[in-house]
N, C-alpha and C. Protein backbone atom coordinates (compact mmCIF):
# COMPACT_ATOMS: atom_id res chain seq x y z
N UNK A 1 -7.26 -8.92 -3.28
CA UNK A 1 -6.55 -9.18 -2.05
C UNK A 1 -7.20 -10.33 -1.29
N UNK A 2 -7.42 -11.39 -1.92
CA UNK A 2 -8.10 -12.55 -1.34
C UNK A 2 -7.07 -13.47 -0.71
N UNK A 3 -7.18 -13.67 0.62
CA UNK A 3 -6.15 -14.45 1.29
C UNK A 3 -6.20 -15.93 0.91
N UNK A 4 -7.37 -16.44 0.56
CA UNK A 4 -7.52 -17.81 0.08
C UNK A 4 -7.03 -18.86 1.06
N UNK A 5 -7.21 -18.59 2.34
CA UNK A 5 -6.87 -19.58 3.37
C UNK A 5 -8.08 -19.74 4.27
N UNK A 6 -8.50 -20.97 4.49
CA UNK A 6 -9.60 -21.25 5.39
C UNK A 6 -9.04 -21.33 6.80
N UNK A 7 -9.36 -20.37 7.70
CA UNK A 7 -8.77 -20.36 9.04
C UNK A 7 -9.24 -21.51 9.90
N UNK A 8 -10.34 -22.16 9.52
CA UNK A 8 -10.85 -23.26 10.32
C UNK A 8 -10.16 -24.58 9.98
N UNK A 9 -10.00 -24.84 8.68
CA UNK A 9 -9.39 -26.11 8.28
C UNK A 9 -7.88 -26.05 8.25
N UNK A 10 -7.32 -24.82 8.29
CA UNK A 10 -5.87 -24.63 8.24
C UNK A 10 -5.27 -25.11 6.93
N UNK A 11 -6.07 -25.18 5.89
CA UNK A 11 -5.54 -25.56 4.59
C UNK A 11 -5.78 -24.44 3.60
N UNK A 12 -4.95 -24.39 2.59
CA UNK A 12 -5.09 -23.37 1.56
C UNK A 12 -6.18 -23.77 0.58
N UNK A 13 -7.07 -22.83 0.30
CA UNK A 13 -8.13 -23.09 -0.65
C UNK A 13 -7.68 -22.58 -2.02
N UNK A 14 -7.32 -23.48 -2.90
CA UNK A 14 -6.86 -23.09 -4.22
C UNK A 14 -8.04 -22.83 -5.13
N UNK A 15 -8.14 -21.62 -5.63
CA UNK A 15 -9.23 -21.27 -6.52
C UNK A 15 -9.06 -21.98 -7.86
N UNK A 16 -10.10 -22.62 -8.38
CA UNK A 16 -9.99 -23.32 -9.66
C UNK A 16 -9.83 -22.32 -10.80
N UNK A 17 -8.62 -21.89 -11.03
CA UNK A 17 -8.33 -20.90 -12.05
C UNK A 17 -6.90 -21.11 -12.52
N UNK A 18 -6.62 -20.83 -13.80
CA UNK A 18 -5.24 -20.96 -14.29
C UNK A 18 -4.33 -19.88 -13.75
N UNK A 19 -4.92 -18.88 -13.07
CA UNK A 19 -4.13 -17.78 -12.53
C UNK A 19 -3.88 -17.98 -11.05
N UNK A 20 -2.65 -17.74 -10.61
CA UNK A 20 -2.31 -17.83 -9.19
C UNK A 20 -2.71 -16.53 -8.48
N UNK A 21 -2.66 -16.56 -7.15
CA UNK A 21 -3.01 -15.40 -6.34
C UNK A 21 -1.90 -14.34 -6.45
N UNK A 22 -2.20 -13.13 -6.98
CA UNK A 22 -1.17 -12.11 -7.18
C UNK A 22 -0.94 -11.23 -5.95
N UNK A 23 -1.75 -11.42 -4.91
CA UNK A 23 -1.70 -10.51 -3.77
C UNK A 23 -0.31 -10.38 -3.14
N UNK A 24 0.46 -11.47 -2.95
CA UNK A 24 1.78 -11.31 -2.32
C UNK A 24 2.68 -10.32 -3.04
N UNK A 25 2.69 -10.35 -4.37
CA UNK A 25 3.52 -9.40 -5.11
C UNK A 25 3.07 -7.97 -4.87
N UNK A 26 1.74 -7.77 -4.85
CA UNK A 26 1.22 -6.44 -4.57
C UNK A 26 1.60 -5.95 -3.18
N UNK A 27 1.60 -6.86 -2.22
CA UNK A 27 1.97 -6.50 -0.85
C UNK A 27 3.46 -6.14 -0.75
N UNK A 28 4.29 -6.82 -1.54
CA UNK A 28 5.72 -6.48 -1.56
C UNK A 28 5.91 -5.06 -2.10
N UNK A 29 5.19 -4.74 -3.18
CA UNK A 29 5.27 -3.38 -3.73
C UNK A 29 4.83 -2.35 -2.72
N UNK A 30 3.75 -2.66 -1.99
CA UNK A 30 3.26 -1.75 -0.96
C UNK A 30 4.29 -1.58 0.16
N UNK A 31 4.90 -2.69 0.58
CA UNK A 31 5.88 -2.65 1.66
C UNK A 31 7.10 -1.80 1.28
N UNK A 32 7.57 -1.95 0.04
CA UNK A 32 8.70 -1.14 -0.42
C UNK A 32 8.36 0.34 -0.33
N UNK A 33 7.17 0.71 -0.82
CA UNK A 33 6.75 2.11 -0.77
C UNK A 33 6.65 2.60 0.67
N UNK A 34 6.06 1.78 1.54
CA UNK A 34 5.88 2.18 2.94
C UNK A 34 7.22 2.37 3.65
N UNK A 35 8.16 1.45 3.44
CA UNK A 35 9.46 1.57 4.08
C UNK A 35 10.20 2.80 3.57
N UNK A 36 10.14 3.04 2.27
CA UNK A 36 10.85 4.20 1.70
C UNK A 36 10.23 5.51 2.17
N UNK A 37 8.90 5.57 2.25
CA UNK A 37 8.26 6.79 2.76
C UNK A 37 8.57 6.98 4.24
N UNK A 38 8.68 5.88 4.98
CA UNK A 38 9.10 6.01 6.38
C UNK A 38 10.47 6.68 6.46
N UNK A 39 11.39 6.21 5.64
CA UNK A 39 12.74 6.76 5.65
C UNK A 39 12.73 8.25 5.32
N UNK A 40 11.91 8.64 4.34
CA UNK A 40 11.85 10.04 3.92
C UNK A 40 11.17 10.91 4.98
N UNK A 41 10.02 10.46 5.48
CA UNK A 41 9.26 11.26 6.44
C UNK A 41 9.94 11.35 7.79
N UNK A 42 10.69 10.32 8.17
CA UNK A 42 11.35 10.30 9.48
C UNK A 42 12.71 10.99 9.46
N UNK A 43 13.16 11.37 8.28
CA UNK A 43 14.46 12.05 8.19
C UNK A 43 15.64 11.11 8.13
N UNK A 44 15.38 9.81 7.93
CA UNK A 44 16.50 8.87 7.82
C UNK A 44 17.24 9.02 6.49
N UNK A 45 16.57 9.61 5.49
CA UNK A 45 17.23 9.98 4.24
C UNK A 45 16.86 11.43 3.94
N UNK A 46 17.64 12.07 3.08
CA UNK A 46 17.39 13.46 2.74
C UNK A 46 16.58 13.56 1.45
N UNK A 47 16.24 14.78 1.07
CA UNK A 47 15.48 14.98 -0.16
C UNK A 47 16.26 14.53 -1.39
N UNK A 48 17.57 14.36 -1.25
CA UNK A 48 18.37 13.88 -2.38
C UNK A 48 18.02 12.44 -2.75
N UNK A 49 17.28 11.76 -1.88
CA UNK A 49 16.84 10.39 -2.18
C UNK A 49 15.58 10.37 -3.04
N UNK A 50 14.96 11.52 -3.26
CA UNK A 50 13.67 11.56 -3.97
C UNK A 50 13.70 10.96 -5.37
N UNK A 51 14.73 11.22 -6.19
CA UNK A 51 14.73 10.60 -7.53
C UNK A 51 14.76 9.07 -7.48
N UNK A 52 15.53 8.52 -6.55
CA UNK A 52 15.60 7.07 -6.42
C UNK A 52 14.27 6.52 -5.92
N UNK A 53 13.65 7.21 -4.97
CA UNK A 53 12.34 6.80 -4.48
C UNK A 53 11.33 6.80 -5.63
N UNK A 54 11.42 7.82 -6.48
CA UNK A 54 10.52 7.88 -7.62
C UNK A 54 10.62 6.64 -8.49
N UNK A 55 11.83 6.17 -8.72
CA UNK A 55 12.02 4.97 -9.55
C UNK A 55 11.47 3.72 -8.86
N UNK A 56 11.66 3.61 -7.56
CA UNK A 56 11.11 2.46 -6.83
C UNK A 56 9.58 2.45 -6.91
N UNK A 57 8.97 3.64 -6.81
CA UNK A 57 7.52 3.72 -6.89
C UNK A 57 7.01 3.35 -8.27
N UNK A 58 7.73 3.74 -9.30
CA UNK A 58 7.33 3.37 -10.66
C UNK A 58 7.44 1.86 -10.86
N UNK A 59 8.43 1.24 -10.23
CA UNK A 59 8.50 -0.22 -10.26
C UNK A 59 7.30 -0.83 -9.57
N UNK A 60 6.91 -0.25 -8.44
CA UNK A 60 5.73 -0.73 -7.73
C UNK A 60 4.46 -0.58 -8.54
N UNK A 61 4.41 0.46 -9.38
CA UNK A 61 3.24 0.65 -10.25
C UNK A 61 3.04 -0.55 -11.17
N UNK A 62 4.12 -1.05 -11.75
CA UNK A 62 4.02 -2.19 -12.66
C UNK A 62 3.42 -3.39 -11.94
N UNK A 63 3.91 -3.63 -10.72
CA UNK A 63 3.41 -4.77 -9.94
C UNK A 63 1.94 -4.60 -9.61
N UNK A 64 1.59 -3.44 -9.03
CA UNK A 64 0.24 -3.28 -8.51
C UNK A 64 -0.80 -3.16 -9.62
N UNK A 65 -0.42 -2.60 -10.77
CA UNK A 65 -1.35 -2.57 -11.89
C UNK A 65 -1.65 -4.00 -12.36
N UNK A 66 -0.60 -4.81 -12.42
CA UNK A 66 -0.78 -6.21 -12.83
C UNK A 66 -1.67 -6.95 -11.83
N UNK A 67 -1.43 -6.72 -10.54
CA UNK A 67 -2.23 -7.37 -9.49
C UNK A 67 -3.69 -6.96 -9.61
N UNK A 68 -3.93 -5.69 -9.86
CA UNK A 68 -5.30 -5.20 -9.99
C UNK A 68 -6.03 -5.92 -11.12
N UNK A 69 -5.39 -6.05 -12.28
CA UNK A 69 -6.03 -6.71 -13.42
C UNK A 69 -6.34 -8.18 -13.10
N UNK A 70 -5.41 -8.86 -12.45
CA UNK A 70 -5.64 -10.26 -12.10
C UNK A 70 -6.73 -10.41 -11.04
N UNK A 71 -6.79 -9.45 -10.11
CA UNK A 71 -7.88 -9.48 -9.12
C UNK A 71 -9.23 -9.28 -9.79
N UNK A 72 -9.29 -8.36 -10.75
CA UNK A 72 -10.53 -8.18 -11.50
C UNK A 72 -10.91 -9.48 -12.21
N UNK A 73 -9.91 -10.15 -12.78
CA UNK A 73 -10.16 -11.39 -13.53
C UNK A 73 -10.75 -12.46 -12.62
N UNK A 74 -10.34 -12.46 -11.35
CA UNK A 74 -10.85 -13.46 -10.40
C UNK A 74 -12.09 -12.95 -9.65
N UNK A 75 -12.67 -11.85 -10.13
CA UNK A 75 -13.89 -11.28 -9.55
C UNK A 75 -13.68 -10.77 -8.13
N UNK A 76 -12.43 -10.35 -7.82
CA UNK A 76 -12.12 -9.78 -6.51
C UNK A 76 -12.24 -8.26 -6.61
N UNK A 77 -13.44 -7.76 -6.38
CA UNK A 77 -13.72 -6.33 -6.55
C UNK A 77 -12.93 -5.46 -5.58
N UNK A 78 -12.88 -5.87 -4.31
CA UNK A 78 -12.17 -5.08 -3.31
C UNK A 78 -10.69 -4.97 -3.64
N UNK A 79 -10.06 -6.10 -3.91
CA UNK A 79 -8.64 -6.10 -4.23
C UNK A 79 -8.34 -5.39 -5.53
N UNK A 80 -9.14 -5.67 -6.56
CA UNK A 80 -8.90 -5.07 -7.86
C UNK A 80 -8.99 -3.56 -7.83
N UNK A 81 -10.05 -3.04 -7.24
CA UNK A 81 -10.22 -1.59 -7.18
C UNK A 81 -9.17 -0.92 -6.31
N UNK A 82 -8.83 -1.55 -5.19
CA UNK A 82 -7.85 -0.96 -4.29
C UNK A 82 -6.46 -0.95 -4.92
N UNK A 83 -6.05 -2.08 -5.48
CA UNK A 83 -4.72 -2.11 -6.10
C UNK A 83 -4.65 -1.18 -7.31
N UNK A 84 -5.77 -1.01 -8.02
CA UNK A 84 -5.74 -0.14 -9.20
C UNK A 84 -5.52 1.31 -8.80
N UNK A 85 -6.25 1.79 -7.77
CA UNK A 85 -6.02 3.19 -7.42
C UNK A 85 -4.71 3.37 -6.66
N UNK A 86 -4.24 2.35 -5.96
CA UNK A 86 -2.90 2.42 -5.39
C UNK A 86 -1.85 2.53 -6.50
N UNK A 87 -2.03 1.69 -7.54
CA UNK A 87 -1.07 1.70 -8.64
C UNK A 87 -1.03 3.05 -9.33
N UNK A 88 -2.20 3.62 -9.57
CA UNK A 88 -2.27 4.88 -10.31
C UNK A 88 -1.74 6.06 -9.50
N UNK A 89 -2.24 6.21 -8.28
CA UNK A 89 -1.96 7.43 -7.52
C UNK A 89 -0.79 7.31 -6.56
N UNK A 90 -0.75 6.24 -5.78
CA UNK A 90 0.36 6.08 -4.84
C UNK A 90 1.67 5.81 -5.58
N UNK A 91 1.60 4.93 -6.58
CA UNK A 91 2.82 4.48 -7.24
C UNK A 91 3.19 5.34 -8.45
N UNK A 92 2.32 5.39 -9.47
CA UNK A 92 2.69 6.08 -10.72
C UNK A 92 2.79 7.59 -10.51
N UNK A 93 1.71 8.20 -10.02
CA UNK A 93 1.75 9.65 -9.79
C UNK A 93 2.81 10.00 -8.74
N UNK A 94 2.87 9.19 -7.67
CA UNK A 94 3.87 9.43 -6.63
C UNK A 94 5.28 9.36 -7.17
N UNK A 95 5.55 8.35 -8.01
CA UNK A 95 6.88 8.20 -8.58
C UNK A 95 7.27 9.34 -9.50
N UNK A 96 6.36 9.69 -10.40
CA UNK A 96 6.65 10.79 -11.34
C UNK A 96 6.81 12.11 -10.58
N UNK A 97 5.95 12.31 -9.57
CA UNK A 97 6.06 13.55 -8.78
C UNK A 97 7.39 13.65 -8.05
N UNK A 98 7.87 12.54 -7.52
CA UNK A 98 9.16 12.58 -6.85
C UNK A 98 10.25 13.06 -7.79
N UNK A 99 10.24 12.57 -9.02
CA UNK A 99 11.23 12.99 -10.01
C UNK A 99 11.06 14.46 -10.37
N UNK A 100 9.81 14.88 -10.57
CA UNK A 100 9.55 16.26 -10.97
C UNK A 100 9.85 17.24 -9.84
N UNK A 101 9.42 16.89 -8.62
CA UNK A 101 9.63 17.79 -7.48
C UNK A 101 11.11 18.00 -7.22
N UNK A 102 11.88 16.92 -7.27
CA UNK A 102 13.31 17.07 -7.01
C UNK A 102 13.95 17.96 -8.07
N UNK A 103 13.54 17.76 -9.33
CA UNK A 103 14.08 18.58 -10.41
C UNK A 103 13.74 20.05 -10.20
N UNK A 104 12.50 20.33 -9.80
CA UNK A 104 12.09 21.71 -9.57
C UNK A 104 12.80 22.33 -8.37
N UNK A 105 13.02 21.50 -7.33
CA UNK A 105 13.75 22.00 -6.16
C UNK A 105 15.17 22.38 -6.55
N UNK A 106 15.82 21.51 -7.30
CA UNK A 106 17.21 21.76 -7.71
C UNK A 106 17.29 23.00 -8.59
N UNK A 107 16.34 23.15 -9.51
CA UNK A 107 16.37 24.29 -10.42
C UNK A 107 15.69 25.52 -9.84
N UNK A 108 15.20 25.38 -8.58
CA UNK A 108 14.55 26.48 -7.87
C UNK A 108 13.35 27.02 -8.64
N UNK A 109 12.57 26.09 -9.19
CA UNK A 109 11.34 26.45 -9.88
C UNK A 109 10.21 26.43 -8.86
N UNK A 110 9.46 27.51 -8.71
CA UNK A 110 8.39 27.53 -7.72
C UNK A 110 7.23 26.60 -8.10
N UNK A 111 6.67 25.93 -7.12
CA UNK A 111 5.48 25.10 -7.36
C UNK A 111 4.67 25.07 -6.07
N UNK A 112 3.37 24.86 -6.23
CA UNK A 112 2.45 24.86 -5.09
C UNK A 112 2.04 23.42 -4.79
N UNK A 113 2.71 22.81 -3.81
CA UNK A 113 2.47 21.40 -3.48
C UNK A 113 1.15 21.18 -2.74
N UNK A 114 0.44 22.25 -2.42
CA UNK A 114 -0.83 22.07 -1.71
C UNK A 114 -1.87 21.34 -2.55
N UNK A 115 -1.69 21.35 -3.88
CA UNK A 115 -2.62 20.60 -4.73
C UNK A 115 -2.57 19.12 -4.40
N UNK A 116 -1.40 18.64 -3.95
CA UNK A 116 -1.28 17.24 -3.54
C UNK A 116 -2.19 16.94 -2.36
N UNK A 117 -2.30 17.90 -1.46
CA UNK A 117 -3.16 17.72 -0.29
C UNK A 117 -4.61 17.51 -0.67
N UNK A 118 -5.07 18.25 -1.68
CA UNK A 118 -6.44 18.07 -2.13
C UNK A 118 -6.64 16.68 -2.73
N UNK A 119 -5.66 16.20 -3.48
CA UNK A 119 -5.76 14.86 -4.05
C UNK A 119 -5.69 13.80 -2.95
N UNK A 120 -4.77 13.99 -1.99
CA UNK A 120 -4.65 13.03 -0.90
C UNK A 120 -5.92 13.00 -0.05
N UNK A 121 -6.65 14.12 0.02
CA UNK A 121 -7.90 14.16 0.78
C UNK A 121 -8.91 13.19 0.18
N UNK A 122 -8.97 13.15 -1.15
CA UNK A 122 -9.88 12.22 -1.82
C UNK A 122 -9.47 10.77 -1.52
N UNK A 123 -8.17 10.48 -1.68
CA UNK A 123 -7.69 9.12 -1.46
C UNK A 123 -7.91 8.68 -0.02
N UNK A 124 -7.72 9.60 0.92
CA UNK A 124 -7.94 9.28 2.33
C UNK A 124 -9.40 8.93 2.60
N UNK A 125 -10.31 9.77 2.11
CA UNK A 125 -11.73 9.53 2.33
C UNK A 125 -12.19 8.24 1.67
N UNK A 126 -11.68 7.98 0.46
CA UNK A 126 -12.05 6.74 -0.24
C UNK A 126 -11.60 5.52 0.55
N UNK A 127 -10.35 5.55 1.03
CA UNK A 127 -9.84 4.39 1.78
C UNK A 127 -10.61 4.21 3.07
N UNK A 128 -10.95 5.30 3.75
CA UNK A 128 -11.77 5.19 4.97
C UNK A 128 -13.11 4.52 4.67
N UNK A 129 -13.75 4.94 3.57
CA UNK A 129 -15.06 4.39 3.23
C UNK A 129 -14.97 2.93 2.81
N UNK A 130 -13.84 2.55 2.20
CA UNK A 130 -13.66 1.16 1.75
C UNK A 130 -13.17 0.23 2.86
N UNK A 131 -12.69 0.79 3.96
CA UNK A 131 -12.08 -0.03 5.02
C UNK A 131 -12.97 -1.17 5.51
N UNK A 132 -14.28 -0.96 5.75
CA UNK A 132 -15.11 -2.08 6.24
C UNK A 132 -15.08 -3.30 5.33
N UNK A 133 -14.87 -3.11 4.03
CA UNK A 133 -14.84 -4.26 3.11
C UNK A 133 -13.70 -5.21 3.45
N UNK A 134 -12.63 -4.69 4.06
CA UNK A 134 -11.47 -5.52 4.37
C UNK A 134 -11.67 -6.35 5.63
N UNK A 135 -12.78 -6.13 6.33
CA UNK A 135 -13.11 -6.99 7.46
C UNK A 135 -13.39 -8.42 6.99
N UNK A 136 -13.70 -8.57 5.71
CA UNK A 136 -13.99 -9.89 5.15
C UNK A 136 -12.73 -10.62 4.73
N UNK A 137 -11.57 -9.96 4.83
CA UNK A 137 -10.28 -10.56 4.48
C UNK A 137 -9.51 -10.90 5.75
N UNK A 138 -8.30 -11.37 5.58
CA UNK A 138 -7.48 -11.69 6.74
C UNK A 138 -7.36 -10.48 7.66
N UNK A 139 -7.33 -10.73 8.96
CA UNK A 139 -7.19 -9.65 9.93
C UNK A 139 -5.89 -8.88 9.71
N UNK A 140 -4.88 -9.54 9.16
CA UNK A 140 -3.61 -8.84 8.89
C UNK A 140 -3.78 -7.82 7.76
N UNK A 141 -4.55 -8.17 6.75
CA UNK A 141 -4.80 -7.23 5.66
C UNK A 141 -5.62 -6.05 6.18
N UNK A 142 -6.58 -6.33 7.03
CA UNK A 142 -7.36 -5.25 7.65
C UNK A 142 -6.46 -4.34 8.46
N UNK A 143 -5.47 -4.92 9.17
CA UNK A 143 -4.54 -4.11 9.97
C UNK A 143 -3.73 -3.18 9.08
N UNK A 144 -3.31 -3.66 7.91
CA UNK A 144 -2.56 -2.82 6.97
C UNK A 144 -3.40 -1.61 6.56
N UNK A 145 -4.65 -1.87 6.23
CA UNK A 145 -5.53 -0.79 5.79
C UNK A 145 -5.75 0.23 6.92
N UNK A 146 -5.94 -0.25 8.14
CA UNK A 146 -6.14 0.66 9.28
C UNK A 146 -4.91 1.53 9.50
N UNK A 147 -3.72 0.96 9.37
CA UNK A 147 -2.49 1.74 9.52
C UNK A 147 -2.39 2.80 8.42
N UNK A 148 -2.80 2.45 7.21
CA UNK A 148 -2.83 3.44 6.13
C UNK A 148 -3.88 4.51 6.42
N UNK A 149 -4.99 4.09 7.04
CA UNK A 149 -6.02 5.05 7.43
C UNK A 149 -5.49 6.09 8.42
N UNK A 150 -4.53 5.68 9.22
CA UNK A 150 -3.90 6.60 10.18
C UNK A 150 -2.91 7.52 9.47
N UNK A 151 -2.14 6.97 8.55
CA UNK A 151 -1.07 7.73 7.90
C UNK A 151 -1.59 8.79 6.93
N UNK A 152 -2.56 8.43 6.11
CA UNK A 152 -2.96 9.30 5.01
C UNK A 152 -3.51 10.66 5.43
N UNK A 153 -4.33 10.75 6.48
CA UNK A 153 -4.80 12.10 6.85
C UNK A 153 -3.68 13.03 7.27
N UNK A 154 -2.64 12.51 7.89
CA UNK A 154 -1.51 13.37 8.28
C UNK A 154 -0.76 13.85 7.04
N UNK A 155 -0.57 12.96 6.07
CA UNK A 155 0.06 13.37 4.81
C UNK A 155 -0.78 14.44 4.13
N UNK A 156 -2.11 14.24 4.14
CA UNK A 156 -3.03 15.20 3.53
C UNK A 156 -2.91 16.56 4.19
N UNK A 157 -2.99 16.59 5.51
CA UNK A 157 -2.99 17.86 6.24
C UNK A 157 -1.64 18.57 6.14
N UNK A 158 -0.55 17.80 6.09
CA UNK A 158 0.77 18.42 5.92
C UNK A 158 0.90 19.03 4.54
N UNK A 159 0.44 18.32 3.51
CA UNK A 159 0.52 18.86 2.15
C UNK A 159 -0.37 20.08 1.99
N UNK A 160 -1.49 20.12 2.69
CA UNK A 160 -2.37 21.28 2.63
C UNK A 160 -1.83 22.46 3.43
N UNK A 161 -0.81 22.19 4.23
CA UNK A 161 -0.24 23.24 5.05
C UNK A 161 -1.04 23.54 6.30
N UNK A 162 -1.91 22.61 6.70
CA UNK A 162 -2.76 22.83 7.86
C UNK A 162 -2.13 22.35 9.16
N UNK A 163 -1.14 21.46 9.09
CA UNK A 163 -0.38 21.06 10.27
C UNK A 163 1.09 21.11 9.92
N UNK A 164 1.93 21.19 10.93
CA UNK A 164 3.37 21.33 10.73
C UNK A 164 4.00 20.01 10.25
N UNK A 165 5.09 20.15 9.51
CA UNK A 165 5.83 18.99 9.03
C UNK A 165 6.43 18.19 10.18
N UNK A 166 6.49 18.81 11.36
CA UNK A 166 7.03 18.11 12.54
C UNK A 166 6.17 16.91 12.93
N UNK A 167 4.94 16.87 12.40
CA UNK A 167 4.05 15.72 12.68
C UNK A 167 4.33 14.54 11.77
N UNK A 168 5.33 14.65 10.92
CA UNK A 168 5.60 13.61 9.93
C UNK A 168 5.96 12.27 10.57
N UNK A 169 6.42 12.28 11.82
CA UNK A 169 6.80 11.02 12.46
C UNK A 169 5.59 10.10 12.64
N UNK A 170 4.38 10.67 12.73
CA UNK A 170 3.18 9.84 12.94
C UNK A 170 2.87 9.01 11.70
N UNK A 171 2.70 9.63 10.51
CA UNK A 171 2.49 8.78 9.33
C UNK A 171 3.70 7.92 9.01
N UNK A 172 4.89 8.39 9.36
CA UNK A 172 6.09 7.59 9.09
C UNK A 172 6.01 6.24 9.79
N UNK A 173 5.71 6.24 11.08
CA UNK A 173 5.68 4.99 11.82
C UNK A 173 4.47 4.13 11.45
N UNK A 174 3.34 4.78 11.11
CA UNK A 174 2.18 4.02 10.66
C UNK A 174 2.49 3.30 9.34
N UNK A 175 3.21 3.97 8.45
CA UNK A 175 3.58 3.36 7.17
C UNK A 175 4.58 2.23 7.37
N UNK A 176 5.51 2.43 8.29
CA UNK A 176 6.47 1.36 8.58
C UNK A 176 5.75 0.12 9.10
N UNK A 177 4.78 0.34 9.98
CA UNK A 177 3.99 -0.78 10.50
C UNK A 177 3.22 -1.49 9.40
N UNK A 178 2.60 -0.71 8.51
CA UNK A 178 1.85 -1.30 7.40
C UNK A 178 2.78 -2.12 6.51
N UNK A 179 3.96 -1.60 6.24
CA UNK A 179 4.92 -2.31 5.41
C UNK A 179 5.38 -3.61 6.06
N UNK A 180 5.62 -3.57 7.37
CA UNK A 180 6.07 -4.77 8.08
C UNK A 180 5.00 -5.87 8.06
N UNK A 181 3.74 -5.47 8.29
CA UNK A 181 2.66 -6.46 8.24
C UNK A 181 2.51 -7.00 6.82
N UNK A 182 2.69 -6.13 5.83
CA UNK A 182 2.59 -6.56 4.44
C UNK A 182 3.64 -7.60 4.08
N UNK A 183 4.86 -7.41 4.60
CA UNK A 183 5.93 -8.38 4.35
C UNK A 183 5.56 -9.75 4.90
N UNK A 184 5.08 -9.75 6.16
CA UNK A 184 4.72 -11.04 6.77
C UNK A 184 3.55 -11.69 6.02
N UNK A 185 2.53 -10.89 5.69
CA UNK A 185 1.35 -11.45 5.04
C UNK A 185 1.71 -12.02 3.67
N UNK A 186 2.56 -11.33 2.92
CA UNK A 186 2.96 -11.85 1.61
C UNK A 186 3.71 -13.17 1.76
N UNK A 187 4.59 -13.25 2.77
CA UNK A 187 5.32 -14.49 3.01
C UNK A 187 4.40 -15.63 3.41
N UNK A 188 3.42 -15.32 4.28
CA UNK A 188 2.50 -16.36 4.74
C UNK A 188 1.67 -16.91 3.59
N UNK A 189 1.18 -16.04 2.70
CA UNK A 189 0.37 -16.50 1.58
C UNK A 189 1.18 -17.39 0.64
N UNK A 190 2.42 -16.94 0.32
CA UNK A 190 3.26 -17.71 -0.60
C UNK A 190 3.64 -19.07 -0.01
N UNK A 191 4.11 -19.07 1.23
CA UNK A 191 4.56 -20.32 1.86
C UNK A 191 3.39 -21.27 2.09
N UNK A 192 2.28 -20.77 2.64
CA UNK A 192 1.13 -21.63 2.89
C UNK A 192 0.55 -22.21 1.62
N UNK A 193 0.55 -21.41 0.55
CA UNK A 193 0.05 -21.90 -0.74
C UNK A 193 0.97 -22.99 -1.29
N UNK A 194 2.28 -22.79 -1.15
CA UNK A 194 3.24 -23.77 -1.66
C UNK A 194 3.09 -25.12 -0.97
N UNK A 195 2.84 -25.10 0.35
CA UNK A 195 2.74 -26.33 1.12
C UNK A 195 1.31 -26.87 1.18
N UNK A 196 0.34 -26.07 0.77
CA UNK A 196 -1.04 -26.52 0.80
C UNK A 196 -1.62 -26.62 2.19
N UNK A 197 -0.98 -25.98 3.15
CA UNK A 197 -1.47 -25.96 4.53
C UNK A 197 -0.88 -24.76 5.25
N UNK A 198 -1.38 -24.50 6.45
CA UNK A 198 -0.89 -23.34 7.19
C UNK A 198 0.44 -23.65 7.86
N UNK A 199 1.53 -23.14 7.28
CA UNK A 199 2.86 -23.25 7.86
C UNK A 199 3.15 -22.01 8.69
N UNK A 200 2.85 -20.85 8.13
CA UNK A 200 2.99 -19.59 8.85
C UNK A 200 1.60 -19.16 9.30
N UNK A 201 1.43 -18.84 10.57
CA UNK A 201 0.10 -18.46 11.08
C UNK A 201 -0.51 -17.32 10.28
N UNK A 202 -1.76 -17.50 9.91
CA UNK A 202 -2.47 -16.51 9.12
C UNK A 202 -3.89 -16.39 9.64
N UNK A 203 -4.18 -15.34 10.41
CA UNK A 203 -5.52 -15.21 10.99
C UNK A 203 -6.58 -15.00 9.92
N UNK A 204 -7.77 -15.49 10.23
CA UNK A 204 -8.89 -15.34 9.31
C UNK A 204 -9.52 -13.97 9.39
N UNK A 205 -10.64 -13.78 8.72
CA UNK A 205 -11.31 -12.48 8.74
C UNK A 205 -11.94 -12.18 10.09
N UNK A 206 -12.09 -10.88 10.40
CA UNK A 206 -12.74 -10.48 11.63
C UNK A 206 -14.26 -10.60 11.52
N UNK A 207 -14.75 -10.58 10.28
CA UNK A 207 -16.19 -10.72 10.02
C UNK A 207 -16.37 -11.79 8.97
N UNK A 208 -17.21 -12.77 9.23
CA UNK A 208 -17.46 -13.85 8.26
C UNK A 208 -18.33 -13.36 7.12
């Protein structure tokens, strides 16, 4: 997740590599997931949307797995590791679970979804611990991570059955915000890289 823009010179720093920056595509995948989860958690769509959401998440898995590998190739440890676990758990497992859960609901097969809460607890704690690393990236990318930091504990606690589902509006709006920032950041990276200068404002890191 390397923004590759020097905030002081206002020019794009092109890394001497045959590979382009994959971060914008990864951010688009993240934004799609965030917007769709907002719709589901806020009640804008019903549970009948779950199979379609599952397919969108599986599409996002392809993107984010690819981004992770390219980030590793460019020695971007923060981006590579983050996109890899997003691809595996948020996208692939999330997508397959959406398909399976809807099928079990329709067939009235009992299942204990609290196991998801235990898994989400790990992902929440990991993202919290990794958050300071994003201070070295664009402030917009840091903002996305902070919004996810807000959303994930609520998802965790709801899945564990420790708080009511009525609290779903909190992670819903945090995810919508993360998705919106992701859309802008992906656009800024693509456009600024294409022009070789800052066309769309892109703040630098909060910590040098």
